[in-house]
Amino acid sequence: MTVTELKEFFTDHLVPSKLYEIGKAIDGKVCLTKNKDFWEVYFLDHAEKIGLMCFKDENSACQSMKNELRKLMESIYELTWKPINA
């Protein structure tokens, strides 16, 4: 999965954009960013990366963010899509 495919997935599944940010760090959101050598998925809280997960490839980072948003949607809205099978 690529970042472009992830964005399309979130749009198709009506994931509110207020929950996430792809490509840059925005406070109060689950973020996916590309560092020099790796991809990062985390929640940004007052410039602190909470639950930071690092990945060497784009696909793994996108799948992780997709899974984190799935869990978040389920806890907030009590609805989601089927879990990701790795």
N, C-alpha and C. Protein backbone atom coordinates (compact mmCIF):
# COMPACT_ATOMS: atom_id res chain seq x y z
N MET A 1 0.85 -1.18 0.00
CA MET A 1 0.00 0.00 0.00
C MET A 1 0.90 1.24 0.00
N THR A 2 0.49 2.22 -0.75
CA THR A 2 1.21 3.48 -0.82
C THR A 2 0.43 4.57 -0.07
N VAL A 3 1.06 5.69 0.14
CA VAL A 3 0.40 6.83 0.80
C VAL A 3 -0.82 7.26 -0.01
N THR A 4 -0.69 7.29 -1.32
CA THR A 4 -1.82 7.66 -2.18
C THR A 4 -2.98 6.69 -2.00
N GLU A 5 -2.70 5.40 -1.96
CA GLU A 5 -3.75 4.40 -1.77
C GLU A 5 -4.36 4.53 -0.37
N LEU A 6 -3.56 4.83 0.62
CA LEU A 6 -4.06 5.02 1.98
C LEU A 6 -5.02 6.20 2.04
N LYS A 7 -4.65 7.31 1.42
CA LYS A 7 -5.53 8.48 1.39
C LYS A 7 -6.86 8.14 0.72
N GLU A 8 -6.80 7.40 -0.38
CA GLU A 8 -8.02 6.99 -1.08
C GLU A 8 -8.87 6.09 -0.20
N PHE A 9 -8.23 5.16 0.51
CA PHE A 9 -8.95 4.26 1.41
C PHE A 9 -9.68 5.06 2.48
N PHE A 10 -8.99 6.01 3.10
CA PHE A 10 -9.62 6.82 4.14
C PHE A 10 -10.79 7.63 3.58
N THR A 11 -10.64 8.15 2.40
CA THR A 11 -11.73 8.90 1.76
C THR A 11 -12.91 7.98 1.48
N ASP A 12 -12.63 6.81 0.90
CA ASP A 12 -13.69 5.84 0.56
C ASP A 12 -14.43 5.33 1.80
N HIS A 13 -13.73 5.24 2.93
CA HIS A 13 -14.33 4.71 4.15
C HIS A 13 -14.75 5.81 5.14
N LEU A 14 -14.80 7.04 4.63
CA LEU A 14 -15.31 8.19 5.39
C LEU A 14 -14.60 8.41 6.73
N VAL A 15 -13.29 8.20 6.74
CA VAL A 15 -12.51 8.46 7.94
C VAL A 15 -12.34 9.98 8.05
N PRO A 16 -12.79 10.59 9.14
CA PRO A 16 -12.70 12.05 9.26
C PRO A 16 -11.24 12.53 9.23
N SER A 17 -10.97 13.52 8.40
CA SER A 17 -9.61 14.04 8.27
C SER A 17 -9.12 14.70 9.56
N LYS A 18 -10.02 15.02 10.47
CA LYS A 18 -9.61 15.61 11.74
C LYS A 18 -8.87 14.61 12.62
N LEU A 19 -8.91 13.32 12.26
CA LEU A 19 -8.25 12.29 13.06
C LEU A 19 -6.81 12.03 12.65
N TYR A 20 -6.44 12.39 11.41
CA TYR A 20 -5.12 11.99 10.92
C TYR A 20 -4.48 13.05 10.02
N GLU A 21 -3.18 12.89 9.83
CA GLU A 21 -2.42 13.73 8.91
C GLU A 21 -1.36 12.86 8.24
N ILE A 22 -1.26 12.97 6.94
CA ILE A 22 -0.27 12.21 6.18
C ILE A 22 0.70 13.18 5.54
N GLY A 23 1.98 13.00 5.85
CA GLY A 23 3.01 13.82 5.23
C GLY A 23 3.58 14.92 6.10
N LYS A 24 2.87 15.26 7.17
CA LYS A 24 3.40 16.28 8.09
C LYS A 24 2.84 16.04 9.48
N ALA A 25 3.49 16.63 10.46
CA ALA A 25 3.09 16.45 11.86
C ALA A 25 2.14 17.56 12.28
N ILE A 26 0.94 17.19 12.68
CA ILE A 26 -0.08 18.14 13.13
C ILE A 26 -0.53 17.69 14.53
N ASP A 27 -0.49 18.62 15.47
CA ASP A 27 -0.86 18.32 16.85
C ASP A 27 -2.29 17.80 16.96
N GLY A 28 -2.46 16.77 17.78
CA GLY A 28 -3.79 16.23 18.03
C GLY A 28 -4.26 15.23 17.00
N LYS A 29 -3.36 14.75 16.15
CA LYS A 29 -3.74 13.80 15.10
C LYS A 29 -2.78 12.62 15.06
N VAL A 30 -3.26 11.51 14.51
CA VAL A 30 -2.39 10.39 14.18
C VAL A 30 -1.67 10.79 12.90
N CYS A 31 -0.35 10.73 12.93
CA CYS A 31 0.46 11.22 11.81
C CYS A 31 1.28 10.11 11.17
N LEU A 32 1.46 10.21 9.87
CA LEU A 32 2.37 9.36 9.14
C LEU A 32 3.33 10.30 8.41
N THR A 33 4.62 10.20 8.74
CA THR A 33 5.62 11.06 8.12
C THR A 33 6.80 10.24 7.65
N LYS A 34 7.50 10.76 6.67
CA LYS A 34 8.71 10.12 6.13
C LYS A 34 9.91 10.85 6.67
N ASN A 35 10.74 10.13 7.40
CA ASN A 35 11.98 10.65 7.90
C ASN A 35 13.05 10.35 6.85
N LYS A 36 14.28 10.74 7.09
CA LYS A 36 15.34 10.49 6.11
C LYS A 36 15.48 9.01 5.77
N ASP A 37 15.50 8.16 6.79
CA ASP A 37 15.75 6.74 6.57
C ASP A 37 14.56 5.82 6.83
N PHE A 38 13.47 6.35 7.38
CA PHE A 38 12.35 5.48 7.72
C PHE A 38 11.04 6.26 7.78
N TRP A 39 9.95 5.52 7.88
CA TRP A 39 8.60 6.07 8.00
C TRP A 39 8.20 6.02 9.47
N GLU A 40 7.41 6.99 9.90
CA GLU A 40 6.96 7.05 11.29
C GLU A 40 5.43 7.16 11.36
N VAL A 41 4.85 6.46 12.32
CA VAL A 41 3.42 6.57 12.63
C VAL A 41 3.34 6.85 14.12
N TYR A 42 2.56 7.88 14.50
CA TYR A 42 2.48 8.29 15.90
C TYR A 42 1.31 9.25 16.08
N PHE A 43 0.98 9.50 17.36
CA PHE A 43 0.02 10.54 17.71
C PHE A 43 0.84 11.71 18.21
N LEU A 44 0.60 12.90 17.69
CA LEU A 44 1.35 14.08 18.10
C LEU A 44 0.57 14.85 19.17
N ASP A 45 1.20 15.01 20.33
CA ASP A 45 0.59 15.73 21.45
C ASP A 45 1.57 16.77 21.95
N HIS A 46 1.29 18.03 21.65
CA HIS A 46 2.16 19.14 22.05
C HIS A 46 3.62 18.87 21.68
N ALA A 47 3.84 18.56 20.43
CA ALA A 47 5.17 18.31 19.83
C ALA A 47 5.83 17.03 20.32
N GLU A 48 5.11 16.21 21.08
CA GLU A 48 5.66 14.92 21.54
C GLU A 48 5.01 13.80 20.74
N LYS A 49 5.85 12.91 20.20
CA LYS A 49 5.38 11.78 19.41
C LYS A 49 5.02 10.64 20.37
N ILE A 50 3.72 10.40 20.53
CA ILE A 50 3.21 9.37 21.43
C ILE A 50 3.00 8.09 20.63
N GLY A 51 3.49 6.97 21.16
CA GLY A 51 3.30 5.68 20.50
C GLY A 51 4.05 5.56 19.20
N LEU A 52 5.22 6.16 19.12
CA LEU A 52 6.00 6.20 17.88
C LEU A 52 6.34 4.79 17.39
N MET A 53 6.02 4.53 16.13
CA MET A 53 6.37 3.28 15.46
C MET A 53 7.15 3.64 14.20
N CYS A 54 8.29 2.99 13.99
CA CYS A 54 9.15 3.27 12.84
C CYS A 54 9.17 2.07 11.88
N PHE A 55 9.16 2.38 10.59
CA PHE A 55 9.12 1.34 9.56
C PHE A 55 10.11 1.67 8.46
N LYS A 56 10.70 0.64 7.88
CA LYS A 56 11.66 0.83 6.79
C LYS A 56 10.98 1.02 5.44
N ASP A 57 9.74 0.53 5.34
CA ASP A 57 9.07 0.63 4.03
C ASP A 57 7.70 1.30 4.15
N GLU A 58 7.29 1.89 3.07
CA GLU A 58 6.03 2.64 3.00
C GLU A 58 4.82 1.75 3.28
N ASN A 59 4.81 0.55 2.72
CA ASN A 59 3.67 -0.34 2.89
C ASN A 59 3.42 -0.66 4.36
N SER A 60 4.46 -0.99 5.09
CA SER A 60 4.30 -1.33 6.51
C SER A 60 3.78 -0.13 7.31
N ALA A 61 4.29 1.04 7.01
CA ALA A 61 3.83 2.25 7.70
C ALA A 61 2.37 2.53 7.39
N CYS A 62 1.99 2.41 6.14
CA CYS A 62 0.59 2.65 5.75
C CYS A 62 -0.35 1.64 6.39
N GLN A 63 0.05 0.37 6.41
CA GLN A 63 -0.78 -0.66 7.03
C GLN A 63 -0.93 -0.39 8.52
N SER A 64 0.14 0.04 9.17
CA SER A 64 0.08 0.35 10.59
C SER A 64 -0.85 1.53 10.86
N MET A 65 -0.74 2.58 10.05
CA MET A 65 -1.61 3.74 10.25
C MET A 65 -3.07 3.35 9.99
N LYS A 66 -3.29 2.55 8.98
CA LYS A 66 -4.64 2.08 8.67
C LYS A 66 -5.22 1.33 9.87
N ASN A 67 -4.42 0.48 10.49
CA ASN A 67 -4.87 -0.28 11.65
C ASN A 67 -5.12 0.63 12.86
N GLU A 68 -4.25 1.61 13.07
CA GLU A 68 -4.45 2.55 14.18
C GLU A 68 -5.73 3.36 14.00
N LEU A 69 -6.00 3.80 12.78
CA LEU A 69 -7.23 4.57 12.51
C LEU A 69 -8.46 3.68 12.63
N ARG A 70 -8.32 2.40 12.25
CA ARG A 70 -9.44 1.47 12.41
C ARG A 70 -9.81 1.37 13.88
N LYS A 71 -8.81 1.18 14.75
CA LYS A 71 -9.07 1.08 16.20
C LYS A 71 -9.63 2.39 16.75
N LEU A 72 -9.12 3.51 16.30
CA LEU A 72 -9.61 4.81 16.76
C LEU A 72 -11.05 5.03 16.34
N MET A 73 -11.37 4.72 15.11
CA MET A 73 -12.76 4.85 14.63
C MET A 73 -13.71 3.99 15.46
N GLU A 74 -13.25 2.79 15.77
CA GLU A 74 -14.09 1.88 16.55
C GLU A 74 -14.31 2.42 17.97
N SER A 75 -13.27 2.98 18.58
CA SER A 75 -13.42 3.47 19.95
C SER A 75 -14.23 4.77 20.02
N ILE A 76 -14.08 5.63 19.02
CA ILE A 76 -14.80 6.91 19.04
C ILE A 76 -16.23 6.78 18.51
N TYR A 77 -16.36 6.15 17.34
CA TYR A 77 -17.66 6.12 16.65
C TYR A 77 -18.38 4.78 16.72
N GLU A 78 -17.72 3.78 17.31
CA GLU A 78 -18.27 2.43 17.40
C GLU A 78 -18.61 1.86 16.03
N LEU A 79 -17.82 2.21 15.03
CA LEU A 79 -17.94 1.62 13.71
C LEU A 79 -16.57 1.64 13.06
N THR A 80 -16.38 0.68 12.17
CA THR A 80 -15.09 0.55 11.51
C THR A 80 -15.21 -0.38 10.32
N TRP A 81 -14.11 -0.66 9.69
CA TRP A 81 -14.04 -1.67 8.64
C TRP A 81 -13.40 -2.90 9.26
N LYS A 82 -13.36 -4.01 8.50
CA LYS A 82 -12.79 -5.26 9.02
C LYS A 82 -11.31 -5.06 9.33
N PRO A 83 -10.81 -5.77 10.38
CA PRO A 83 -9.39 -5.65 10.73
C PRO A 83 -8.50 -6.10 9.59
N ILE A 84 -7.29 -5.58 9.60
CA ILE A 84 -6.30 -5.91 8.59
C ILE A 84 -5.68 -7.26 8.93
N ASN A 85 -5.63 -8.14 7.97
CA ASN A 85 -4.95 -9.41 8.17
C ASN A 85 -3.57 -9.31 7.55
N ALA A 86 -2.55 -9.41 8.38
CA ALA A 86 -1.16 -9.24 7.92
C ALA A 86 -0.70 -10.44 7.22
